[in-house]
Amino acid sequence: MTNCKKLETSGPSSINGQVIDKTTGRGVPYAQVFVIGSSSGSLGGALGNQQNGYTTADGNGNYSINFNWANGNYYNVTATAPLYYQGLAVSTISINEGKNNNVTIPIVPQGFVRFHIVPTYQCSDIGLYGMVSGFYDIYYPKDAYVVDMGYGNIKNVVMHKIYYADSLKIYYDTIFVPEFDTINYTINY
């Protein structure tokens, strides 16, 4: 006689922790937290993704979600905040079956740069490639203002290409962007 344990195909699981501002470590109030499950056979998980749990964090960023684990699936927890945080910089963390305690989810605050693009030399065009959203192949032949979203409380890299009549020059600028604020930055070309 053998003792065999039946493999569980599903069961109750939970996750709790805090959503924090990645740059300050402070809790992010009222962040939205999701448990996303995907089957192992899906292409990159995208086709088989399914929301398995959802909650809104409290005023200090604390959250707790109960969900049903299905054997053979992969699970992640992800968070976004209602205002002033980067949707593109959302953290996604793999979680395990059972209890997942004190799982911290860091997310990045937003900041903005108002670029003033000033023609000072004889050239044909300038192309500005933004920090997060990217202004790909948008050309500014005249004095212009452009606002782009960046990551707050960190240095952001901005690339701009200046198209002269007979050449192309590429420049990279590093700009510190404070969170929840807009700074001015001038590009002379």
Protein backbone atom coordinates (compact mmCIF):
# COMPACT_ATOMS: atom_id res chain seq x y z
CA MET A 1 0.00 0.00 0.00
CA THR A 2 1.33 3.43 -0.90
CA ASN A 3 0.46 6.78 0.53
CA CYS A 4 -0.08 9.26 -2.25
CA LYS A 5 -0.99 12.86 -1.73
CA LYS A 6 -3.47 14.25 -4.22
CA LEU A 7 -2.09 17.23 -6.15
CA GLU A 8 -4.08 20.36 -5.53
CA THR A 9 -5.32 22.01 -8.70
CA SER A 10 -6.47 25.14 -6.98
CA GLY A 11 -6.82 26.72 -3.62
CA PRO A 12 -7.17 29.91 -1.67
CA SER A 13 -4.23 32.31 -1.75
CA SER A 14 -3.65 35.82 -0.55
CA ILE A 15 -1.28 38.72 -0.84
CA ASN A 16 -0.81 41.79 1.33
CA GLY A 17 1.68 44.58 1.64
CA GLN A 18 2.16 48.20 0.67
CA VAL A 19 2.42 50.24 -2.52
CA ILE A 20 5.24 52.76 -2.09
CA ASP A 21 6.74 55.68 -3.97
CA LYS A 22 9.96 54.19 -5.36
CA THR A 23 11.90 57.41 -4.90
CA THR A 24 10.79 58.37 -1.37
CA GLY A 25 9.66 55.09 0.20
CA ARG A 26 6.38 56.68 1.34
CA GLY A 27 3.10 54.80 0.97
CA VAL A 28 1.04 55.72 -2.11
CA PRO A 29 -2.54 56.41 -1.03
CA TYR A 30 -5.42 54.76 -2.88
CA ALA A 31 -3.26 52.89 -5.40
CA GLN A 32 -5.07 50.22 -7.41
CA VAL A 33 -3.63 46.74 -6.96
CA PHE A 34 -4.34 43.78 -9.27
CA VAL A 35 -3.52 40.08 -9.17
CA ILE A 36 -3.05 38.90 -12.75
CA GLY A 37 -2.85 35.21 -13.63
CA SER A 38 -1.63 33.79 -16.91
CA SER A 39 -1.50 30.23 -18.16
CA SER A 40 1.90 28.76 -18.95
CA GLY A 41 0.94 28.05 -22.56
CA SER A 42 -0.01 31.61 -23.51
CA LEU A 43 2.21 33.69 -25.78
CA GLY A 44 4.18 35.83 -23.38
CA GLY A 45 1.24 35.58 -21.01
CA ALA A 46 -0.58 38.37 -22.85
CA LEU A 47 -3.24 36.21 -24.48
CA GLY A 48 -3.98 34.23 -21.35
CA ASN A 49 -3.96 37.05 -18.79
CA GLN A 50 -6.87 37.18 -16.41
CA GLN A 51 -7.54 39.45 -13.48
CA ASN A 52 -7.92 37.26 -10.40
CA GLY A 53 -8.19 39.89 -7.71
CA TYR A 54 -8.40 43.64 -7.27
CA THR A 55 -8.41 46.16 -4.45
CA THR A 56 -7.75 49.81 -3.70
CA ALA A 57 -5.03 50.47 -1.15
CA ASP A 58 -5.82 52.54 1.91
CA GLY A 59 -4.56 56.06 2.61
CA ASN A 60 -1.11 54.69 3.53
CA GLY A 61 -0.77 52.40 0.50
CA ASN A 62 -1.56 49.19 2.41
CA TYR A 63 -3.48 46.48 0.55
CA SER A 64 -4.74 42.91 0.94
CA ILE A 65 -6.23 40.61 -1.74
CA ASN A 66 -7.64 37.08 -1.51
CA PHE A 67 -7.80 35.06 -4.73
CA ASN A 68 -8.07 31.49 -5.97
CA TRP A 69 -4.83 29.91 -7.19
CA ALA A 70 -5.05 27.54 -10.17
CA ASN A 71 -2.22 25.03 -10.51
CA GLY A 72 -0.14 25.57 -13.66
CA ASN A 73 -0.72 29.32 -13.84
CA TYR A 74 1.69 32.15 -13.10
CA TYR A 75 0.58 35.04 -10.92
CA ASN A 76 1.78 38.60 -10.61
CA VAL A 77 0.69 41.55 -8.56
CA THR A 78 0.80 44.98 -10.15
CA ALA A 79 -0.12 48.45 -8.98
CA THR A 80 -1.03 51.80 -10.46
CA ALA A 81 -1.94 55.03 -8.72
CA PRO A 82 -4.85 57.27 -9.61
CA LEU A 83 -2.88 60.47 -10.15
CA TYR A 84 0.70 61.54 -10.72
CA TYR A 85 2.30 58.14 -11.00
CA GLN A 86 3.63 56.44 -14.12
CA GLY A 87 1.37 53.82 -15.61
CA LEU A 88 4.31 52.74 -17.72
CA ALA A 89 6.52 52.31 -14.69
CA VAL A 90 4.19 50.04 -12.87
CA SER A 91 5.90 47.34 -10.86
CA THR A 92 4.92 43.75 -11.49
CA ILE A 93 6.01 41.15 -8.95
CA SER A 94 5.67 37.37 -9.21
CA ILE A 95 3.82 35.76 -6.32
CA ASN A 96 3.54 32.23 -4.97
CA GLU A 97 0.72 29.93 -4.01
CA GLY A 98 -0.52 30.40 -0.46
CA LYS A 99 0.15 33.51 1.62
CA ASN A 100 2.31 36.31 0.27
CA ASN A 101 2.95 38.65 3.17
CA ASN A 102 4.48 42.12 3.23
CA VAL A 103 4.92 42.41 -0.54
CA THR A 104 6.10 45.93 -1.33
CA ILE A 105 5.21 47.28 -4.76
CA PRO A 106 7.33 50.33 -5.72
CA ILE A 107 5.95 52.70 -8.36
CA VAL A 108 7.50 55.83 -9.85
CA PRO A 109 6.02 59.33 -9.56
CA GLN A 110 5.51 61.60 -12.57
CA GLY A 111 7.19 64.87 -13.32
CA PHE A 112 6.96 67.11 -16.37
CA VAL A 113 9.36 69.11 -18.52
CA ARG A 114 8.26 72.06 -20.65
CA PHE A 115 10.81 72.21 -23.47
CA HIS A 116 11.37 75.54 -25.16
CA ILE A 117 12.87 74.78 -28.57
CA VAL A 118 14.64 77.88 -29.86
CA PRO A 119 16.19 78.18 -33.34
CA THR A 120 19.51 80.03 -33.05
CA TYR A 121 21.49 78.64 -36.00
CA GLN A 122 20.78 78.01 -39.65
CA CYS A 123 19.47 74.46 -39.73
CA SER A 124 16.56 72.66 -41.25
CA ASP A 125 14.82 70.84 -38.39
CA ILE A 126 15.07 69.44 -34.89
CA GLY A 127 13.59 66.14 -33.72
CA LEU A 128 12.92 65.75 -29.99
CA TYR A 129 12.79 62.28 -28.49
CA GLY A 130 11.05 62.53 -25.14
CA MET A 131 11.69 60.91 -21.80
CA VAL A 132 8.73 58.57 -21.36
CA SER A 133 6.14 59.20 -24.02
CA GLY A 134 8.67 59.84 -26.79
CA PHE A 135 8.12 62.42 -29.50
CA TYR A 136 9.36 60.21 -32.27
CA ASP A 137 9.97 61.92 -35.59
CA ILE A 138 8.19 65.10 -34.64
CA TYR A 139 10.06 68.06 -36.03
CA TYR A 140 10.01 71.61 -34.72
CA PRO A 141 11.31 74.03 -37.37
CA LYS A 142 10.23 77.15 -35.43
CA ASP A 143 10.25 78.48 -31.90
CA ALA A 144 8.07 75.98 -30.01
CA TYR A 145 7.02 74.77 -26.56
CA VAL A 146 6.50 71.07 -25.93
CA VAL A 147 5.54 69.37 -22.65
CA ASP A 148 6.65 65.82 -21.95
CA MET A 149 6.07 63.54 -18.99
CA GLY A 150 9.11 62.15 -17.20
CA TYR A 151 9.93 60.07 -14.17
CA GLY A 152 9.85 62.15 -11.00
CA ASN A 153 12.71 62.49 -8.52
CA ILE A 154 15.26 60.95 -10.89
CA LYS A 155 17.41 61.97 -13.85
CA ASN A 156 15.75 61.51 -17.24
CA VAL A 157 17.58 61.24 -20.54
CA VAL A 158 16.31 63.28 -23.48
CA MET A 159 17.65 62.92 -27.01
CA HIS A 160 17.32 65.49 -29.74
CA LYS A 161 18.54 65.36 -33.32
CA ILE A 162 19.44 68.49 -35.22
CA TYR A 163 19.18 68.18 -38.98
CA TYR A 164 21.50 70.64 -40.71
CA ALA A 165 21.54 71.05 -44.48
CA ASP A 166 24.49 68.66 -44.85
CA SER A 167 24.69 66.74 -41.56
CA LEU A 168 22.93 65.31 -38.55
CA LYS A 169 24.00 65.82 -34.94
CA ILE A 170 22.59 63.88 -31.99
CA TYR A 171 22.63 65.25 -28.46
CA TYR A 172 21.73 63.65 -25.14
CA ASP A 173 20.74 65.73 -22.14
CA THR A 174 20.20 64.47 -18.61
CA ILE A 175 17.50 66.37 -16.73
CA PHE A 176 16.50 65.94 -13.10
CA VAL A 177 12.72 66.10 -12.91
CA PRO A 178 11.11 66.72 -9.50
CA GLU A 179 8.03 64.66 -8.70
CA PHE A 180 4.59 66.21 -9.26
CA ASP A 181 6.09 69.36 -10.77
CA THR A 182 6.92 70.93 -14.13
CA ILE A 183 10.32 72.38 -14.95
CA ASN A 184 11.41 74.48 -17.92
CA TYR A 185 14.25 73.38 -20.18
CA THR A 186 15.52 75.27 -23.25
CA ILE A 187 17.08 73.60 -26.28
CA ASN A 188 18.89 76.00 -28.60
CA TYR A 189 19.54 74.72 -32.09
